[in-house]
Amino acid sequence: QVRLVESGGGLVQAGGSLRLSCAASGSILSIDVMGWYRQAPGDQRELVATITGGGQTDYADSVKDRFTISRDNAKNTVYLQMNSLKPEDTDVYYCYRRVVRLGVAYVYWGQGTQVTVSS
């Protein structure tokens, strides 16, 4: 079992910055993929950014050059630095971790943290 605890959401004005953190505990390995998704009410959850255990990153086009994902394997924590925030970035942000054990993939989610960007 894996537990993910997010922090760092809040209210910010357009153009501002926030940093989200997600600490993992439980049956985890540094090779696990971690990332962030976001979801507005009534919408599908969409990918924001992912990072592999080796540090390879991938971003949604809408956040490239504004958001940066990173991880500290010693702390079992993934971060999302969000700069130049826009009102359309307002969503609930969910941390996720994809683990593969004995050939079976499992995905775990955090509880979500609200990010609100005012215009």
N, C-alpha and C. Protein backbone atom coordinates (compact mmCIF):
# COMPACT_ATOMS: atom_id res chain seq x y z
N GLN A 1 0.85 -1.19 0.00
CA GLN A 1 0.00 0.00 0.00
C GLN A 1 0.88 1.24 0.00
N VAL A 2 0.40 2.30 -0.65
CA VAL A 2 1.12 3.55 -0.76
C VAL A 2 0.21 4.68 -0.31
N ARG A 3 0.74 5.58 0.48
CA ARG A 3 -0.03 6.75 0.92
C ARG A 3 0.65 8.01 0.38
N LEU A 4 -0.17 8.91 -0.16
CA LEU A 4 0.33 10.16 -0.72
C LEU A 4 -0.35 11.31 0.00
N VAL A 5 0.45 12.26 0.48
CA VAL A 5 -0.08 13.42 1.19
C VAL A 5 0.41 14.68 0.50
N GLU A 6 -0.55 15.46 0.00
CA GLU A 6 -0.21 16.67 -0.74
C GLU A 6 -0.28 17.89 0.17
N SER A 7 0.44 18.93 -0.22
CA SER A 7 0.36 20.21 0.46
C SER A 7 0.79 21.30 -0.50
N GLY A 8 0.45 22.54 -0.14
CA GLY A 8 0.94 23.68 -0.91
C GLY A 8 -0.07 24.39 -1.77
N GLY A 9 -1.29 23.90 -1.84
CA GLY A 9 -2.29 24.60 -2.63
C GLY A 9 -2.72 25.88 -1.95
N GLY A 10 -3.55 26.65 -2.64
CA GLY A 10 -4.05 27.89 -2.05
C GLY A 10 -4.57 28.84 -3.10
N LEU A 11 -4.71 30.08 -2.68
CA LEU A 11 -5.22 31.16 -3.54
C LEU A 11 -4.07 32.09 -3.91
N VAL A 12 -3.98 32.39 -5.19
CA VAL A 12 -2.91 33.27 -5.66
C VAL A 12 -3.45 34.11 -6.80
N GLN A 13 -2.88 35.29 -6.98
CA GLN A 13 -3.29 36.13 -8.10
C GLN A 13 -2.62 35.67 -9.38
N ALA A 14 -3.24 36.00 -10.48
CA ALA A 14 -2.68 35.66 -11.79
C ALA A 14 -1.27 36.24 -11.89
N GLY A 15 -0.36 35.41 -12.44
CA GLY A 15 1.03 35.80 -12.53
C GLY A 15 1.87 35.36 -11.36
N GLY A 16 1.22 34.90 -10.32
CA GLY A 16 1.93 34.47 -9.12
C GLY A 16 2.42 33.04 -9.22
N SER A 17 2.95 32.54 -8.10
CA SER A 17 3.56 31.22 -8.05
C SER A 17 3.07 30.45 -6.84
N LEU A 18 3.06 29.13 -6.99
CA LEU A 18 2.80 28.21 -5.89
C LEU A 18 3.69 27.00 -6.09
N ARG A 19 4.01 26.33 -4.98
CA ARG A 19 4.72 25.07 -5.06
C ARG A 19 3.94 24.00 -4.32
N LEU A 20 3.60 22.96 -5.04
CA LEU A 20 2.91 21.81 -4.45
C LEU A 20 3.94 20.75 -4.06
N SER A 21 3.65 20.07 -2.97
CA SER A 21 4.49 18.96 -2.53
C SER A 21 3.63 17.73 -2.32
N CYS A 22 4.22 16.57 -2.51
CA CYS A 22 3.51 15.31 -2.30
C CYS A 22 4.49 14.31 -1.69
N ALA A 23 4.23 13.95 -0.45
CA ALA A 23 5.10 13.01 0.26
C ALA A 23 4.49 11.62 0.22
N ALA A 24 5.30 10.64 -0.14
CA ALA A 24 4.84 9.26 -0.25
C ALA A 24 5.37 8.43 0.90
N SER A 25 4.58 7.46 1.30
CA SER A 25 5.02 6.51 2.31
C SER A 25 4.43 5.15 1.98
N GLY A 26 5.01 4.11 2.57
CA GLY A 26 4.51 2.77 2.31
C GLY A 26 5.46 1.99 1.43
N SER A 27 4.89 1.16 0.59
CA SER A 27 5.68 0.27 -0.26
C SER A 27 6.10 1.01 -1.53
N ILE A 28 7.19 1.75 -1.43
CA ILE A 28 7.62 2.60 -2.54
C ILE A 28 9.06 2.30 -2.91
N LEU A 29 9.37 2.56 -4.17
CA LEU A 29 10.71 2.43 -4.68
C LEU A 29 11.05 3.69 -5.46
N SER A 30 12.31 4.01 -5.54
CA SER A 30 12.71 5.24 -6.23
C SER A 30 12.47 5.17 -7.73
N ILE A 31 12.23 3.96 -8.27
CA ILE A 31 11.98 3.85 -9.71
C ILE A 31 10.53 4.17 -10.07
N ASP A 32 9.68 4.32 -9.07
CA ASP A 32 8.27 4.59 -9.35
C ASP A 32 8.11 5.91 -10.08
N VAL A 33 7.14 5.94 -10.98
CA VAL A 33 6.81 7.19 -11.66
C VAL A 33 5.88 8.00 -10.76
N MET A 34 6.13 9.27 -10.67
CA MET A 34 5.25 10.15 -9.90
C MET A 34 4.80 11.30 -10.79
N GLY A 35 3.72 11.93 -10.40
CA GLY A 35 3.25 13.02 -11.22
C GLY A 35 2.08 13.76 -10.61
N TRP A 36 1.58 14.68 -11.39
CA TRP A 36 0.44 15.51 -10.98
C TRP A 36 -0.60 15.52 -12.09
N TYR A 37 -1.85 15.40 -11.67
CA TYR A 37 -2.99 15.59 -12.53
C TYR A 37 -3.83 16.70 -11.93
N ARG A 38 -4.75 17.22 -12.71
CA ARG A 38 -5.68 18.20 -12.18
C ARG A 38 -7.07 17.95 -12.74
N GLN A 39 -8.05 18.44 -11.99
CA GLN A 39 -9.43 18.17 -12.37
C GLN A 39 -10.33 19.27 -11.88
N ALA A 40 -11.17 19.76 -12.78
CA ALA A 40 -12.20 20.72 -12.41
C ALA A 40 -13.52 19.95 -12.25
N PRO A 41 -14.46 20.49 -11.49
CA PRO A 41 -15.74 19.80 -11.30
C PRO A 41 -16.42 19.51 -12.64
N GLY A 42 -16.80 18.27 -12.84
CA GLY A 42 -17.49 17.89 -14.06
C GLY A 42 -16.57 17.57 -15.23
N ASP A 43 -15.27 17.78 -15.05
CA ASP A 43 -14.31 17.49 -16.11
C ASP A 43 -13.54 16.22 -15.81
N GLN A 44 -12.88 15.72 -16.84
CA GLN A 44 -12.00 14.57 -16.64
C GLN A 44 -10.68 15.03 -16.01
N ARG A 45 -10.07 14.11 -15.29
CA ARG A 45 -8.77 14.41 -14.72
C ARG A 45 -7.75 14.46 -15.86
N GLU A 46 -6.92 15.48 -15.88
CA GLU A 46 -5.96 15.63 -16.96
C GLU A 46 -4.54 15.68 -16.42
N LEU A 47 -3.64 15.16 -17.24
CA LEU A 47 -2.24 15.12 -16.87
C LEU A 47 -1.66 16.53 -16.85
N VAL A 48 -0.87 16.80 -15.81
CA VAL A 48 -0.13 18.06 -15.74
C VAL A 48 1.36 17.78 -16.03
N ALA A 49 1.94 16.88 -15.25
CA ALA A 49 3.37 16.58 -15.41
C ALA A 49 3.68 15.25 -14.75
N THR A 50 4.69 14.57 -15.29
CA THR A 50 5.17 13.33 -14.69
C THR A 50 6.68 13.35 -14.63
N ILE A 51 7.22 12.52 -13.75
CA ILE A 51 8.68 12.38 -13.63
C ILE A 51 8.99 10.93 -13.28
N THR A 52 9.95 10.36 -14.00
CA THR A 52 10.35 8.99 -13.73
C THR A 52 11.36 8.95 -12.58
N GLY A 53 11.69 7.75 -12.16
CA GLY A 53 12.68 7.61 -11.11
C GLY A 53 14.03 8.16 -11.53
N GLY A 54 14.31 8.13 -12.83
CA GLY A 54 15.57 8.65 -13.34
C GLY A 54 15.55 10.13 -13.64
N GLY A 55 14.40 10.76 -13.43
CA GLY A 55 14.32 12.20 -13.61
C GLY A 55 13.78 12.67 -14.95
N GLN A 56 13.36 11.74 -15.80
CA GLN A 56 12.79 12.15 -17.08
C GLN A 56 11.42 12.75 -16.85
N THR A 57 11.17 13.90 -17.46
CA THR A 57 9.92 14.62 -17.22
C THR A 57 9.08 14.74 -18.49
N ASP A 58 7.80 14.95 -18.26
CA ASP A 58 6.86 15.16 -19.35
C ASP A 58 5.81 16.14 -18.86
N TYR A 59 5.36 17.05 -19.73
CA TYR A 59 4.43 18.09 -19.34
C TYR A 59 3.28 18.20 -20.33
N ALA A 60 2.15 18.63 -19.83
CA ALA A 60 1.06 19.02 -20.71
C ALA A 60 1.49 20.29 -21.44
N ASP A 61 1.05 20.43 -22.68
CA ASP A 61 1.43 21.61 -23.46
C ASP A 61 1.01 22.91 -22.76
N SER A 62 -0.10 22.87 -22.05
CA SER A 62 -0.64 24.08 -21.43
C SER A 62 0.21 24.60 -20.28
N VAL A 63 1.12 23.78 -19.76
CA VAL A 63 1.93 24.21 -18.62
C VAL A 63 3.41 24.25 -18.91
N LYS A 64 3.80 23.81 -20.10
CA LYS A 64 5.22 23.83 -20.45
C LYS A 64 5.77 25.24 -20.31
N ASP A 65 6.99 25.34 -19.83
CA ASP A 65 7.71 26.61 -19.64
C ASP A 65 7.16 27.42 -18.47
N ARG A 66 6.12 26.92 -17.79
CA ARG A 66 5.61 27.61 -16.60
C ARG A 66 5.73 26.75 -15.35
N PHE A 67 5.51 25.44 -15.51
CA PHE A 67 5.55 24.52 -14.38
C PHE A 67 6.80 23.67 -14.45
N THR A 68 7.32 23.29 -13.29
CA THR A 68 8.48 22.40 -13.23
C THR A 68 8.22 21.32 -12.19
N ILE A 69 8.35 20.07 -12.62
CA ILE A 69 8.20 18.95 -11.70
C ILE A 69 9.59 18.46 -11.30
N SER A 70 9.71 18.08 -10.04
CA SER A 70 10.99 17.55 -9.55
C SER A 70 10.69 16.56 -8.44
N ARG A 71 11.70 15.79 -8.06
CA ARG A 71 11.49 14.82 -6.99
C ARG A 71 12.77 14.70 -6.17
N ASP A 72 12.56 14.37 -4.91
CA ASP A 72 13.66 14.10 -3.99
C ASP A 72 13.44 12.68 -3.49
N ASN A 73 14.17 11.74 -4.05
CA ASN A 73 13.95 10.34 -3.69
C ASN A 73 14.32 10.05 -2.24
N ALA A 74 15.26 10.80 -1.70
CA ALA A 74 15.63 10.59 -0.30
C ALA A 74 14.48 10.95 0.64
N LYS A 75 13.64 11.88 0.20
CA LYS A 75 12.49 12.31 1.01
C LYS A 75 11.19 11.70 0.49
N ASN A 76 11.28 10.90 -0.57
CA ASN A 76 10.07 10.31 -1.16
C ASN A 76 9.03 11.36 -1.49
N THR A 77 9.48 12.46 -2.02
CA THR A 77 8.61 13.60 -2.26
C THR A 77 8.75 14.09 -3.69
N VAL A 78 7.62 14.46 -4.28
CA VAL A 78 7.60 15.08 -5.60
C VAL A 78 7.05 16.49 -5.45
N TYR A 79 7.57 17.39 -6.25
CA TYR A 79 7.19 18.79 -6.18
C TYR A 79 6.67 19.25 -7.54
N LEU A 80 5.82 20.27 -7.48
CA LEU A 80 5.38 20.94 -8.70
C LEU A 80 5.50 22.44 -8.46
N GLN A 81 6.49 23.04 -9.08
CA GLN A 81 6.65 24.50 -9.01
C GLN A 81 5.83 25.11 -10.13
N MET A 82 4.89 25.95 -9.75
CA MET A 82 3.99 26.56 -10.72
C MET A 82 4.23 28.06 -10.76
N ASN A 83 4.68 28.56 -11.88
CA ASN A 83 4.95 29.98 -12.07
C ASN A 83 4.02 30.55 -13.13
N SER A 84 3.93 31.85 -13.16
CA SER A 84 3.09 32.54 -14.15
C SER A 84 1.69 31.93 -14.19
N LEU A 85 1.11 31.75 -13.04
CA LEU A 85 -0.19 31.09 -12.97
C LEU A 85 -1.28 31.91 -13.65
N LYS A 86 -2.22 31.20 -14.25
CA LYS A 86 -3.34 31.81 -14.96
C LYS A 86 -4.64 31.35 -14.32
N PRO A 87 -5.70 32.12 -14.47
CA PRO A 87 -7.00 31.69 -13.92
C PRO A 87 -7.41 30.30 -14.41
N GLU A 88 -7.05 29.96 -15.63
CA GLU A 88 -7.42 28.64 -16.14
C GLU A 88 -6.64 27.50 -15.49
N ASP A 89 -5.65 27.81 -14.66
CA ASP A 89 -4.95 26.77 -13.89
C ASP A 89 -5.72 26.40 -12.63
N THR A 90 -6.80 27.10 -12.36
CA THR A 90 -7.62 26.80 -11.19
C THR A 90 -8.21 25.41 -11.30
N ASP A 91 -7.91 24.55 -10.33
CA ASP A 91 -8.35 23.16 -10.34
C ASP A 91 -7.98 22.53 -9.00
N VAL A 92 -8.45 21.32 -8.82
CA VAL A 92 -7.92 20.48 -7.75
C VAL A 92 -6.77 19.67 -8.35
N TYR A 93 -5.64 19.73 -7.70
CA TYR A 93 -4.44 19.04 -8.18
C TYR A 93 -4.22 17.76 -7.37
N TYR A 94 -4.02 16.67 -8.09
CA TYR A 94 -3.84 15.37 -7.46
C TYR A 94 -2.46 14.83 -7.76
N CYS A 95 -1.82 14.38 -6.72
CA CYS A 95 -0.54 13.68 -6.86
C CYS A 95 -0.83 12.21 -7.16
N TYR A 96 -0.01 11.62 -7.98
CA TYR A 96 -0.17 10.19 -8.21
C TYR A 96 1.19 9.50 -8.26
N ARG A 97 1.14 8.23 -8.01
CA ARG A 97 2.35 7.41 -8.05
C ARG A 97 1.99 6.09 -8.70
N ARG A 98 2.76 5.71 -9.71
CA ARG A 98 2.54 4.46 -10.42
C ARG A 98 3.66 3.50 -10.03
N VAL A 99 3.26 2.41 -9.44
CA VAL A 99 4.24 1.42 -9.00
C VAL A 99 4.00 0.12 -9.74
N VAL A 100 5.09 -0.58 -10.03
CA VAL A 100 5.01 -1.88 -10.68
C VAL A 100 5.69 -2.90 -9.78
N ARG A 101 4.94 -3.88 -9.37
CA ARG A 101 5.47 -4.92 -8.50
C ARG A 101 5.11 -6.28 -9.10
N LEU A 102 6.15 -7.06 -9.33
CA LEU A 102 5.97 -8.40 -9.90
C LEU A 102 5.16 -8.33 -11.19
N GLY A 103 5.41 -7.30 -12.00
CA GLY A 103 4.78 -7.18 -13.29
C GLY A 103 3.37 -6.59 -13.28
N VAL A 104 2.87 -6.23 -12.11
CA VAL A 104 1.53 -5.66 -12.02
C VAL A 104 1.64 -4.19 -11.65
N ALA A 105 0.94 -3.35 -12.40
CA ALA A 105 0.99 -1.90 -12.17
C ALA A 105 -0.16 -1.47 -11.26
N TYR A 106 0.17 -0.60 -10.32
CA TYR A 106 -0.83 -0.02 -9.42
C TYR A 106 -0.67 1.49 -9.47
N VAL A 107 -1.78 2.20 -9.38
CA VAL A 107 -1.75 3.66 -9.34
C VAL A 107 -2.41 4.13 -8.06
N TYR A 108 -1.72 4.99 -7.37
CA TYR A 108 -2.24 5.55 -6.12
C TYR A 108 -2.41 7.06 -6.28
N TRP A 109 -3.41 7.59 -5.59
CA TRP A 109 -3.73 9.02 -5.68
C TRP A 109 -3.70 9.67 -4.31
N GLY A 110 -3.29 10.94 -4.31
CA GLY A 110 -3.44 11.73 -3.11
C GLY A 110 -4.87 12.23 -2.97
N GLN A 111 -5.12 12.97 -1.91
CA GLN A 111 -6.49 13.44 -1.62
C GLN A 111 -6.86 14.68 -2.42
N GLY A 112 -5.88 15.31 -3.04
CA GLY A 112 -6.14 16.50 -3.83
C GLY A 112 -5.91 17.77 -3.03
N THR A 113 -5.42 18.79 -3.72
CA THR A 113 -5.23 20.10 -3.10
C THR A 113 -5.73 21.17 -4.06
N GLN A 114 -6.50 22.10 -3.53
CA GLN A 114 -7.14 23.12 -4.36
C GLN A 114 -6.14 24.23 -4.70
N VAL A 115 -6.09 24.56 -5.97
CA VAL A 115 -5.33 25.72 -6.45
C VAL A 115 -6.32 26.67 -7.11
N THR A 116 -6.37 27.90 -6.63
CA THR A 116 -7.26 28.90 -7.17
C THR A 116 -6.45 30.12 -7.59
N VAL A 117 -6.61 30.50 -8.84
CA VAL A 117 -5.88 31.65 -9.39
C VAL A 117 -6.90 32.73 -9.73
N SER A 118 -6.79 33.86 -9.09
CA SER A 118 -7.73 34.96 -9.32
C SER A 118 -7.19 35.89 -10.39
N SER A 119 -8.12 36.46 -11.15
CA SER A 119 -7.71 37.36 -12.24
C SER A 119 -7.56 38.79 -11.75
